[in-house]
């Protein structure tokens, strides 16, 4: 591990795989070997804790990535603006061309306990957004055995396949392993992956501060970046 004094910057090289609506580069940190797992954060701009924790895991590494690719900000415009959606007001996690994609609007909560009444778009068409299309093309190019999407704040490991990686994440994090989050997610990254026959795990962080989350989830994310799928 890198000493704390040297964790202020990311030393690993990034590759640009696309651009956001506002022209921000979409960056991926690629492993030296074949990509067996792709971990990404920040597809919802209001879930900045996912980006912060994954960045800290990457900054803590002394050695290059071997088998795991990393995306810190799948929605850089949303992260910069503090919005769940991208700069077009589209919820990227409802914009994938899954069979269950729905045209129209999707709502989310302004705060805990409130009704879902903040209105966002699902896009003018499936994969209408550059961030969505770029992520799809990257997944198809890398073809990883596993994909892990970091979200919050539902506090669970959502793994419909009940895979070895999902079971390990649940056991190590103390979060429940579930087959779904209990509500429909039309046009989500997970829905699209299932249509493609790809194994995807949604790592839902609990609703807590970054400082509190770091104690449990930072060591686990650091270990995840070294995890190798054994088949």
C-alpha atoms as a PDB file:
ATOM      1  CA  UNK A   1       0.000   0.000   0.000  1.00  0.00           C
ATOM      2  CA  UNK A   2       1.111   3.567  -0.662  1.00  0.00           C
ATOM      3  CA  UNK A   3       1.898   5.623   2.479  1.00  0.00           C
ATOM      4  CA  UNK A   4      -0.795   8.154   3.413  1.00  0.00           C
ATOM      5  CA  UNK A   5       1.552  11.011   2.540  1.00  0.00           C
ATOM      6  CA  UNK A   6       1.568   9.876  -1.110  1.00  0.00           C
ATOM      7  CA  UNK A   7      -2.174   9.331  -1.595  1.00  0.00           C
ATOM      8  CA  UNK A   8      -3.017  12.850  -2.737  1.00  0.00           C
ATOM      9  CA  UNK A   9      -2.986  12.000  -6.449  1.00  0.00           C
ATOM     10  CA  UNK A  10      -3.733   9.060  -8.729  1.00  0.00           C
ATOM     11  CA  UNK A  11      -0.527   7.711 -10.228  1.00  0.00           C
ATOM     12  CA  UNK A  12      -2.098   5.186 -12.565  1.00  0.00           C
ATOM     13  CA  UNK A  13      -2.612   6.213 -16.214  1.00  0.00           C
ATOM     14  CA  UNK A  14      -6.156   6.607 -17.527  1.00  0.00           C
ATOM     15  CA  UNK A  15      -7.589   6.025 -20.990  1.00  0.00           C
ATOM     16  CA  UNK A  16     -10.396   8.175 -22.401  1.00  0.00           C
ATOM     17  CA  UNK A  17     -13.305   6.054 -23.624  1.00  0.00           C
ATOM     18  CA  UNK A  18     -15.689   8.880 -24.519  1.00  0.00           C
ATOM     19  CA  UNK A  19     -16.946  12.342 -23.601  1.00  0.00           C
ATOM     20  CA  UNK A  20     -19.859  13.627 -21.555  1.00  0.00           C
ATOM     21  CA  UNK A  21     -22.574  16.024 -22.753  1.00  0.00           C
ATOM     22  CA  UNK A  22     -20.444  18.973 -21.587  1.00  0.00           C
ATOM     23  CA  UNK A  23     -17.265  17.560 -23.066  1.00  0.00           C
ATOM     24  CA  UNK A  24     -15.704  16.101 -19.917  1.00  0.00           C
ATOM     25  CA  UNK A  25     -13.496  13.081 -20.649  1.00  0.00           C
ATOM     26  CA  UNK A  26     -14.871   9.708 -19.586  1.00  0.00           C
ATOM     27  CA  UNK A  27     -11.847   7.910 -18.159  1.00  0.00           C
ATOM     28  CA  UNK A  28     -11.108   4.286 -17.385  1.00  0.00           C
ATOM     29  CA  UNK A  29      -8.093   2.854 -15.581  1.00  0.00           C
ATOM     30  CA  UNK A  30      -7.218  -0.359 -17.380  1.00  0.00           C
ATOM     31  CA  UNK A  31      -5.328  -3.365 -16.006  1.00  0.00           C
ATOM     32  CA  UNK A  32      -2.122  -4.750 -17.433  1.00  0.00           C
ATOM     33  CA  UNK A  33      -3.767  -8.100 -18.173  1.00  0.00           C
ATOM     34  CA  UNK A  34      -7.175  -9.088 -19.470  1.00  0.00           C
ATOM     35  CA  UNK A  35     -10.042  -7.211 -17.831  1.00  0.00           C
ATOM     36  CA  UNK A  36     -11.862  -9.775 -15.726  1.00  0.00           C
ATOM     37  CA  UNK A  37     -13.834  -7.242 -13.661  1.00  0.00           C
ATOM     38  CA  UNK A  38     -14.949  -3.664 -14.344  1.00  0.00           C
ATOM     39  CA  UNK A  39     -15.844  -1.551 -11.307  1.00  0.00           C
ATOM     40  CA  UNK A  40     -17.494   1.817 -11.838  1.00  0.00           C
ATOM     41  CA  UNK A  41     -18.846   4.617  -9.669  1.00  0.00           C
ATOM     42  CA  UNK A  42     -20.647   7.918 -10.048  1.00  0.00           C
ATOM     43  CA  UNK A  43     -23.311   7.098 -12.617  1.00  0.00           C
ATOM     44  CA  UNK A  44     -25.612   9.085 -10.341  1.00  0.00           C
ATOM     45  CA  UNK A  45     -24.023  12.449  -9.606  1.00  0.00           C
ATOM     46  CA  UNK A  46     -25.674  12.671  -6.182  1.00  0.00           C
ATOM     47  CA  UNK A  47     -23.820   9.518  -5.103  1.00  0.00           C
ATOM     48  CA  UNK A  48     -20.400  11.155  -4.875  1.00  0.00           C
ATOM     49  CA  UNK A  49     -19.428   8.868  -1.998  1.00  0.00           C
ATOM     50  CA  UNK A  50     -19.052   6.048  -4.538  1.00  0.00           C
ATOM     51  CA  UNK A  51     -16.474   8.032  -6.512  1.00  0.00           C
ATOM     52  CA  UNK A  52     -14.605   9.177  -3.403  1.00  0.00           C
ATOM     53  CA  UNK A  53     -14.259   5.680  -1.954  1.00  0.00           C
ATOM     54  CA  UNK A  54     -13.252   4.087  -5.251  1.00  0.00           C
ATOM     55  CA  UNK A  55     -10.725   6.880  -5.838  1.00  0.00           C
ATOM     56  CA  UNK A  56      -9.228   6.312  -2.397  1.00  0.00           C
ATOM     57  CA  UNK A  57      -8.936   2.602  -3.102  1.00  0.00           C
ATOM     58  CA  UNK A  58      -7.120   3.362  -6.351  1.00  0.00           C
ATOM     59  CA  UNK A  59      -4.868   5.984  -4.736  1.00  0.00           C
ATOM     60  CA  UNK A  60      -3.870   3.513  -2.031  1.00  0.00           C
ATOM     61  CA  UNK A  61      -2.376   1.101  -4.558  1.00  0.00           C
ATOM     62  CA  UNK A  62       1.348   0.884  -5.056  1.00  0.00           C
ATOM     63  CA  UNK A  63       1.185  -1.492  -8.026  1.00  0.00           C
ATOM     64  CA  UNK A  64      -0.669  -1.248 -11.320  1.00  0.00           C
ATOM     65  CA  UNK A  65      -4.038  -2.897 -11.794  1.00  0.00           C
ATOM     66  CA  UNK A  66      -3.717  -6.491 -12.950  1.00  0.00           C
ATOM     67  CA  UNK A  67      -7.194  -7.767 -13.837  1.00  0.00           C
ATOM     68  CA  UNK A  68      -9.672  -5.087 -12.738  1.00  0.00           C
ATOM     69  CA  UNK A  69     -10.632  -1.946 -14.702  1.00  0.00           C
ATOM     70  CA  UNK A  70     -11.894   1.135 -12.830  1.00  0.00           C
ATOM     71  CA  UNK A  71     -14.180   4.038 -13.759  1.00  0.00           C
ATOM     72  CA  UNK A  72     -14.368   6.708 -11.078  1.00  0.00           C
ATOM     73  CA  UNK A  73     -16.983   8.929 -12.703  1.00  0.00           C
ATOM     74  CA  UNK A  74     -19.426   7.443 -15.208  1.00  0.00           C
ATOM     75  CA  UNK A  75     -21.398  10.714 -15.011  1.00  0.00           C
ATOM     76  CA  UNK A  76     -18.801  13.488 -14.545  1.00  0.00           C
ATOM     77  CA  UNK A  77     -21.229  16.294 -15.410  1.00  0.00           C
ATOM     78  CA  UNK A  78     -23.694  15.112 -12.771  1.00  0.00           C
ATOM     79  CA  UNK A  79     -20.919  14.866 -10.185  1.00  0.00           C
ATOM     80  CA  UNK A  80     -19.727  18.387 -11.019  1.00  0.00           C
ATOM     81  CA  UNK A  81     -23.275  19.777 -10.871  1.00  0.00           C
ATOM     82  CA  UNK A  82     -24.371  17.720  -7.864  1.00  0.00           C
ATOM     83  CA  UNK A  83     -27.299  16.275  -9.816  1.00  0.00           C
ATOM     84  CA  UNK A  84     -28.461  12.694 -10.089  1.00  0.00           C
ATOM     85  CA  UNK A  85     -28.887  13.072 -13.846  1.00  0.00           C
ATOM     86  CA  UNK A  86     -26.425  14.107 -16.525  1.00  0.00           C
ATOM     87  CA  UNK A  87     -26.330  17.643 -17.977  1.00  0.00           C
ATOM     88  CA  UNK A  88     -29.372  16.854 -20.146  1.00  0.00           C
ATOM     89  CA  UNK A  89     -31.456  15.908 -17.111  1.00  0.00           C
ATOM     90  CA  UNK A  90     -31.387  12.220 -18.053  1.00  0.00           C
ATOM     91  CA  UNK A  91     -31.038   9.537 -15.395  1.00  0.00           C
ATOM     92  CA  UNK A  92     -28.283   7.516 -17.058  1.00  0.00           C
ATOM     93  CA  UNK A  93     -29.273   4.424 -15.108  1.00  0.00           C
ATOM     94  CA  UNK A  94     -32.641   4.485 -16.909  1.00  0.00           C
ATOM     95  CA  UNK A  95     -31.203   5.178 -20.379  1.00  0.00           C
ATOM     96  CA  UNK A  96     -29.738   1.791 -21.333  1.00  0.00           C
ATOM     97  CA  UNK A  97     -31.367  -0.075 -24.235  1.00  0.00           C
ATOM     98  CA  UNK A  98     -32.673  -2.932 -22.133  1.00  0.00           C
ATOM     99  CA  UNK A  99     -35.841  -4.702 -23.198  1.00  0.00           C
ATOM    100  CA  UNK A 100     -37.637  -3.017 -20.288  1.00  0.00           C
ATOM    101  CA  UNK A 101     -36.621   0.564 -21.207  1.00  0.00           C
ATOM    102  CA  UNK A 102     -39.497   3.023 -20.923  1.00  0.00           C
ATOM    103  CA  UNK A 103     -39.813   6.375 -22.619  1.00  0.00           C
ATOM    104  CA  UNK A 104     -40.867   9.249 -20.385  1.00  0.00           C
ATOM    105  CA  UNK A 105     -39.907  10.246 -16.896  1.00  0.00           C
ATOM    106  CA  UNK A 106     -38.530   8.698 -13.753  1.00  0.00           C
ATOM    107  CA  UNK A 107     -38.760  10.220 -10.278  1.00  0.00           C
ATOM    108  CA  UNK A 108     -36.498  10.086  -7.249  1.00  0.00           C
ATOM    109  CA  UNK A 109     -36.587  11.366  -3.682  1.00  0.00           C
ATOM    110  CA  UNK A 110     -35.316  14.807  -2.675  1.00  0.00           C
ATOM    111  CA  UNK A 111     -34.534  13.461   0.798  1.00  0.00           C
ATOM    112  CA  UNK A 112     -35.088  10.371   2.936  1.00  0.00           C
ATOM    113  CA  UNK A 113     -38.715   9.801   3.777  1.00  0.00           C
ATOM    114  CA  UNK A 114     -39.996  12.057   0.987  1.00  0.00           C
ATOM    115  CA  UNK A 115     -42.117  10.899  -1.911  1.00  0.00           C
ATOM    116  CA  UNK A 116     -40.410  10.211  -5.227  1.00  0.00           C
ATOM    117  CA  UNK A 117     -41.302  13.497  -6.905  1.00  0.00           C
ATOM    118  CA  UNK A 118     -38.097  14.906  -8.439  1.00  0.00           C
ATOM    119  CA  UNK A 119     -38.663  14.383 -12.177  1.00  0.00           C
ATOM    120  CA  UNK A 120     -35.890  13.259 -14.529  1.00  0.00           C
ATOM    121  CA  UNK A 121     -35.963  11.977 -18.091  1.00  0.00           C
ATOM    122  CA  UNK A 122     -35.185   8.458 -19.295  1.00  0.00           C
ATOM    123  CA  UNK A 123     -33.847  10.000 -22.522  1.00  0.00           C
ATOM    124  CA  UNK A 124     -35.253  10.732 -25.952  1.00  0.00           C
ATOM    125  CA  UNK A 125     -34.414   7.154 -26.937  1.00  0.00           C
ATOM    126  CA  UNK A 126     -32.506   4.183 -25.483  1.00  0.00           C
ATOM    127  CA  UNK A 127     -28.791   5.032 -25.252  1.00  0.00           C
ATOM    128  CA  UNK A 128     -29.508   8.618 -26.334  1.00  0.00           C
ATOM    129  CA  UNK A 129     -26.819   9.950 -23.978  1.00  0.00           C
ATOM    130  CA  UNK A 130     -23.100   9.937 -24.816  1.00  0.00           C
ATOM    131  CA  UNK A 131     -22.191   8.657 -21.357  1.00  0.00           C
ATOM    132  CA  UNK A 132     -24.524   5.663 -21.750  1.00  0.00           C
ATOM    133  CA  UNK A 133     -23.323   4.787 -25.239  1.00  0.00           C
ATOM    134  CA  UNK A 134     -19.641   5.122 -24.291  1.00  0.00           C
ATOM    135  CA  UNK A 135     -20.044   2.822 -21.282  1.00  0.00           C
ATOM    136  CA  UNK A 136     -21.858   0.239 -23.394  1.00  0.00           C
ATOM    137  CA  UNK A 137     -19.126   0.299 -26.025  1.00  0.00           C
ATOM    138  CA  UNK A 138     -16.440  -0.042 -23.347  1.00  0.00           C
ATOM    139  CA  UNK A 139     -18.176  -3.042 -21.773  1.00  0.00           C
ATOM    140  CA  UNK A 140     -18.518  -4.684 -25.173  1.00  0.00           C
ATOM    141  CA  UNK A 141     -14.860  -4.012 -25.978  1.00  0.00           C
ATOM    142  CA  UNK A 142     -13.459  -5.255 -22.655  1.00  0.00           C
ATOM    143  CA  UNK A 143     -16.038  -8.033 -22.172  1.00  0.00           C
ATOM    144  CA  UNK A 144     -15.275  -8.539 -18.455  1.00  0.00           C
ATOM    145  CA  UNK A 145     -16.502 -11.619 -16.645  1.00  0.00           C
ATOM    146  CA  UNK A 146     -17.924  -9.413 -13.871  1.00  0.00           C
ATOM    147  CA  UNK A 147     -19.205  -5.868 -13.600  1.00  0.00           C
ATOM    148  CA  UNK A 148     -19.625  -4.082 -10.274  1.00  0.00           C
ATOM    149  CA  UNK A 149     -21.658  -0.863 -10.132  1.00  0.00           C
ATOM    150  CA  UNK A 150     -21.287   1.255  -6.989  1.00  0.00           C
ATOM    151  CA  UNK A 151     -24.420   3.017  -5.759  1.00  0.00           C
ATOM    152  CA  UNK A 152     -26.036   4.242  -2.565  1.00  0.00           C
ATOM    153  CA  UNK A 153     -27.816   4.316  -0.199  1.00  0.00           C
ATOM    154  CA  UNK A 154     -29.787   1.030  -0.195  1.00  0.00           C
ATOM    155  CA  UNK A 155     -27.231  -0.926   1.878  1.00  0.00           C
ATOM    156  CA  UNK A 156     -27.166  -4.249   0.054  1.00  0.00           C
ATOM    157  CA  UNK A 157     -25.306  -6.352  -2.496  1.00  0.00           C
ATOM    158  CA  UNK A 158     -27.690  -6.885  -5.395  1.00  0.00           C
ATOM    159  CA  UNK A 159     -26.555  -9.962  -7.331  1.00  0.00           C
ATOM    160  CA  UNK A 160     -29.257 -11.851  -9.272  1.00  0.00           C
ATOM    161  CA  UNK A 161     -26.726 -14.572 -10.123  1.00  0.00           C
ATOM    162  CA  UNK A 162     -25.705 -15.205  -6.502  1.00  0.00           C
ATOM    163  CA  UNK A 163     -22.121 -15.366  -7.780  1.00  0.00           C
ATOM    164  CA  UNK A 164     -18.992 -16.137  -5.811  1.00  0.00           C
ATOM    165  CA  UNK A 165     -17.955 -12.481  -6.069  1.00  0.00           C
ATOM    166  CA  UNK A 166     -21.357 -11.268  -4.874  1.00  0.00           C
ATOM    167  CA  UNK A 167     -21.302 -13.667  -1.929  1.00  0.00           C
ATOM    168  CA  UNK A 168     -17.783 -12.542  -1.027  1.00  0.00           C
ATOM    169  CA  UNK A 169     -18.751  -8.851  -1.167  1.00  0.00           C
ATOM    170  CA  UNK A 170     -21.790  -9.470   1.026  1.00  0.00           C
ATOM    171  CA  UNK A 171     -19.853 -11.467   3.607  1.00  0.00           C
ATOM    172  CA  UNK A 172     -16.934  -9.019   3.722  1.00  0.00           C
ATOM    173  CA  UNK A 173     -19.130  -5.901   3.871  1.00  0.00           C
ATOM    174  CA  UNK A 174     -21.776  -7.257   6.230  1.00  0.00           C
ATOM    175  CA  UNK A 175     -24.458  -6.160   3.758  1.00  0.00           C
ATOM    176  CA  UNK A 176     -27.340  -8.476   2.822  1.00  0.00           C
ATOM    177  CA  UNK A 177     -27.109 -10.340  -0.479  1.00  0.00           C
ATOM    178  CA  UNK A 178     -30.309  -9.833  -2.489  1.00  0.00           C
ATOM    179  CA  UNK A 179     -31.513 -10.943  -5.914  1.00  0.00           C
ATOM    180  CA  UNK A 180     -33.170  -7.569  -6.604  1.00  0.00           C
ATOM    181  CA  UNK A 181     -33.739  -4.268  -4.803  1.00  0.00           C
ATOM    182  CA  UNK A 182     -37.497  -4.780  -4.585  1.00  0.00           C
ATOM    183  CA  UNK A 183     -38.582  -2.245  -7.200  1.00  0.00           C
ATOM    184  CA  UNK A 184     -38.448  -2.158 -11.012  1.00  0.00           C
ATOM    185  CA  UNK A 185     -35.434  -0.559 -12.705  1.00  0.00           C
ATOM    186  CA  UNK A 186     -36.382  -0.217 -16.384  1.00  0.00           C
ATOM    187  CA  UNK A 187     -33.522   0.831 -18.632  1.00  0.00           C
ATOM    188  CA  UNK A 188     -30.917   0.315 -15.937  1.00  0.00           C
ATOM    189  CA  UNK A 189     -27.355  -0.800 -16.534  1.00  0.00           C
ATOM    190  CA  UNK A 190     -28.188  -4.014 -14.674  1.00  0.00           C
ATOM    191  CA  UNK A 191     -31.204  -4.703 -16.894  1.00  0.00           C
ATOM    192  CA  UNK A 192     -29.146  -4.155 -20.031  1.00  0.00           C
ATOM    193  CA  UNK A 193     -26.398  -6.441 -18.747  1.00  0.00           C
ATOM    194  CA  UNK A 194     -28.883  -9.195 -17.979  1.00  0.00           C
ATOM    195  CA  UNK A 195     -30.269  -8.904 -21.522  1.00  0.00           C
ATOM    196  CA  UNK A 196     -26.691  -9.312 -22.781  1.00  0.00           C
ATOM    197  CA  UNK A 197     -26.036 -12.325 -20.553  1.00  0.00           C
ATOM    198  CA  UNK A 198     -23.460 -10.401 -18.507  1.00  0.00           C
ATOM    199  CA  UNK A 199     -22.974 -10.859 -14.769  1.00  0.00           C
ATOM    200  CA  UNK A 200     -23.504  -7.557 -12.940  1.00  0.00           C
ATOM    201  CA  UNK A 201     -23.410  -6.832  -9.219  1.00  0.00           C
ATOM    202  CA  UNK A 202     -24.793  -3.628  -7.707  1.00  0.00           C
ATOM    203  CA  UNK A 203     -22.882  -2.640  -4.578  1.00  0.00           C
ATOM    204  CA  UNK A 204     -25.263  -0.363  -2.664  1.00  0.00           C
ATOM    205  CA  UNK A 205     -23.487   1.556   0.094  1.00  0.00           C
ATOM    206  CA  UNK A 206     -25.358   2.389   3.315  1.00  0.00           C
ATOM    207  CA  UNK A 207     -26.623   5.949   3.957  1.00  0.00           C
ATOM    208  CA  UNK A 208     -23.689   7.266   5.947  1.00  0.00           C
ATOM    209  CA  UNK A 209     -20.867   9.793   5.735  1.00  0.00           C
ATOM    210  CA  UNK A 210     -17.776   9.067   3.678  1.00  0.00           C
ATOM    211  CA  UNK A 211     -15.745   8.930   6.892  1.00  0.00           C
ATOM    212  CA  UNK A 212     -17.994   6.255   8.361  1.00  0.00           C
ATOM    213  CA  UNK A 213     -18.211   4.305   5.098  1.00  0.00           C
ATOM    214  CA  UNK A 214     -14.456   4.315   4.700  1.00  0.00           C
ATOM    215  CA  UNK A 215     -13.823   2.157   7.764  1.00  0.00           C
ATOM    216  CA  UNK A 216     -15.551  -0.899   6.250  1.00  0.00           C
ATOM    217  CA  UNK A 217     -15.774  -0.309   2.527  1.00  0.00           C
ATOM    218  CA  UNK A 218     -12.402   1.212   1.642  1.00  0.00           C
ATOM    219  CA  UNK A 219     -10.407  -1.911   2.626  1.00  0.00           C
ATOM    220  CA  UNK A 220     -12.969  -4.049   0.804  1.00  0.00           C
ATOM    221  CA  UNK A 221     -12.793  -1.964  -2.373  1.00  0.00           C
ATOM    222  CA  UNK A 222      -9.002  -2.132  -2.231  1.00  0.00           C
ATOM    223  CA  UNK A 223      -9.226  -5.919  -2.073  1.00  0.00           C
ATOM    224  CA  UNK A 224     -11.795  -5.927  -4.887  1.00  0.00           C
ATOM    225  CA  UNK A 225      -9.294  -4.224  -7.193  1.00  0.00           C
ATOM    226  CA  UNK A 226      -6.998  -7.235  -6.665  1.00  0.00           C
ATOM    227  CA  UNK A 227      -9.774  -9.822  -6.921  1.00  0.00           C
ATOM    228  CA  UNK A 228      -9.376 -12.274  -9.775  1.00  0.00           C
ATOM    229  CA  UNK A 229     -12.187 -14.329 -11.212  1.00  0.00           C
ATOM    230  CA  UNK A 230     -11.224 -17.965 -11.095  1.00  0.00           C
ATOM    231  CA  UNK A 231     -14.081 -19.294 -13.178  1.00  0.00           C
END
